[in-house]
Amino acid sequence: MSKPQLDLLSQLWDEHMRAPFPPHLRGREINGEDLVLLDAGIAGCVSSSLSGPLDEKRRRILLGCLAAVEKVLPSLGDGGDAIEYYERLRAMAALTAEVSNAKAR
């Protein structure tokens, strides 16, 4: 992972860890995706990537979560904190996937 990518991912991760999960989304599903599990899946992969390369299983999980968050975002409406929260998750997942794919080559 390049230094700028690692710095950006670390910054996004720090912001994410300080941000509360939007309470109105607890227990909700959008387009068949459990929003708490989606958050946990991405967070687990990002956390793992910050301490080393992702294995094949985590890469598959991450790519599935990235597709899921893309599906969910348009349906969040204009829920302010929810959109910001899930856009940050998408950014972290995309950056982690990009770095993971580069390492897998």
Protein backbone atom coordinates (compact mmCIF):
# COMPACT_ATOMS: atom_id res chain seq x y z
CA MET A 1 0.00 0.00 0.00
CA SER A 2 1.44 3.37 -0.94
CA LYS A 3 1.94 5.92 1.80
CA PRO A 4 -0.77 8.31 0.49
CA GLN A 5 -3.28 5.42 0.25
CA LEU A 6 -2.42 4.19 3.72
CA ASP A 7 -2.69 7.73 5.12
CA LEU A 8 -6.09 8.25 3.51
CA LEU A 9 -7.38 4.86 4.66
CA SER A 10 -6.10 5.51 8.19
CA GLN A 11 -7.77 8.93 8.23
CA LEU A 12 -11.08 7.49 7.02
CA TRP A 13 -10.80 4.67 9.56
CA ASP A 14 -10.19 7.15 12.40
CA GLU A 15 -13.23 9.18 11.32
CA HIS A 16 -15.31 6.03 11.09
CA MET A 17 -14.31 4.83 14.54
CA ARG A 18 -15.38 8.18 16.04
CA ALA A 19 -18.71 8.28 14.20
CA PRO A 20 -21.72 6.73 15.89
CA PHE A 21 -23.75 4.26 13.88
CA PRO A 22 -26.93 6.05 12.75
CA PRO A 23 -29.44 4.84 15.36
CA HIS A 24 -32.42 4.89 13.00
CA LEU A 25 -30.68 2.27 10.83
CA ARG A 26 -30.28 -0.36 13.56
CA GLY A 27 -32.24 -3.46 12.61
CA ARG A 28 -32.98 -2.15 9.10
CA GLU A 29 -32.49 -3.82 5.78
CA ILE A 30 -32.33 -2.03 2.47
CA ASN A 31 -32.49 -4.00 -0.76
CA GLY A 32 -31.97 -7.19 1.23
CA GLU A 33 -28.85 -5.89 2.99
CA ASP A 34 -28.68 -5.74 6.79
CA LEU A 35 -27.10 -2.36 7.45
CA VAL A 36 -25.38 -3.34 10.70
CA LEU A 37 -23.85 -6.45 9.12
CA LEU A 38 -22.73 -4.44 6.10
CA ASP A 39 -20.97 -1.97 8.40
CA ALA A 40 -19.34 -4.82 10.34
CA GLY A 41 -18.21 -6.62 7.19
CA ILE A 42 -16.50 -3.59 5.71
CA ALA A 43 -15.02 -2.53 9.04
CA GLY A 44 -13.53 -5.98 9.60
CA CYS A 45 -11.89 -6.02 6.18
CA VAL A 46 -10.55 -2.47 6.52
CA SER A 47 -9.17 -3.19 9.98
CA SER A 48 -7.47 -6.34 8.70
CA SER A 49 -6.00 -4.52 5.70
CA LEU A 50 -4.43 -1.90 7.96
CA SER A 51 -2.41 -4.61 9.66
CA GLY A 52 -1.48 -6.64 6.58
CA PRO A 53 -2.64 -8.00 3.22
CA LEU A 54 -6.11 -9.49 2.93
CA ASP A 55 -6.42 -13.19 2.32
CA GLU A 56 -8.64 -14.47 -0.50
CA LYS A 57 -11.64 -15.01 1.81
CA ARG A 58 -11.56 -11.45 3.13
CA ARG A 59 -11.08 -10.08 -0.40
CA ARG A 60 -14.26 -11.88 -1.49
CA ILE A 61 -16.13 -10.57 1.56
CA LEU A 62 -14.90 -7.04 0.85
CA LEU A 63 -15.95 -7.14 -2.80
CA GLY A 64 -19.39 -8.44 -1.80
CA CYS A 65 -19.73 -5.66 0.76
CA LEU A 66 -18.62 -3.06 -1.77
CA ALA A 67 -21.33 -4.22 -4.19
CA ALA A 68 -23.88 -4.20 -1.35
CA VAL A 69 -23.03 -0.68 -0.19
CA GLU A 70 -23.37 0.54 -3.79
CA LYS A 71 -26.87 -1.00 -3.81
CA VAL A 72 -27.82 0.55 -0.46
CA LEU A 73 -26.59 4.12 -0.89
CA PRO A 74 -29.22 5.33 -3.39
CA SER A 75 -31.99 4.11 -1.06
CA LEU A 76 -30.78 6.00 2.00
CA GLY A 77 -32.56 9.11 0.77
CA ASP A 78 -31.37 12.35 2.26
CA GLY A 79 -30.70 10.91 5.70
CA GLY A 80 -27.69 13.19 6.29
CA ASP A 81 -25.67 11.25 8.85
CA ALA A 82 -26.61 7.92 7.26
CA ILE A 83 -25.39 8.97 3.83
CA GLU A 84 -22.15 10.37 5.21
CA TYR A 85 -21.62 7.19 7.26
CA TYR A 86 -22.21 4.83 4.32
CA GLU A 87 -20.31 6.97 1.80
CA ARG A 88 -17.31 6.76 4.12
CA LEU A 89 -17.77 2.98 4.31
CA ARG A 90 -17.89 2.84 0.50
CA ALA A 91 -14.74 4.95 0.21
CA MET A 92 -12.88 2.73 2.70
CA ALA A 93 -14.07 -0.45 0.97
CA ALA A 94 -13.11 0.84 -2.49
CA LEU A 95 -9.67 1.95 -1.34
CA THR A 96 -9.07 -1.33 0.47
CA ALA A 97 -10.21 -3.33 -2.59
CA GLU A 98 -7.96 -1.32 -4.89
CA VAL A 99 -4.95 -1.87 -2.67
CA SER A 100 -5.82 -5.53 -2.15
CA ASN A 101 -6.13 -6.12 -5.91
CA ALA A 102 -2.78 -4.46 -6.52
CA LYS A 103 -1.15 -6.72 -3.93
CA ALA A 104 -2.77 -9.84 -5.43
CA ARG A 105 -1.17 -9.24 -8.84
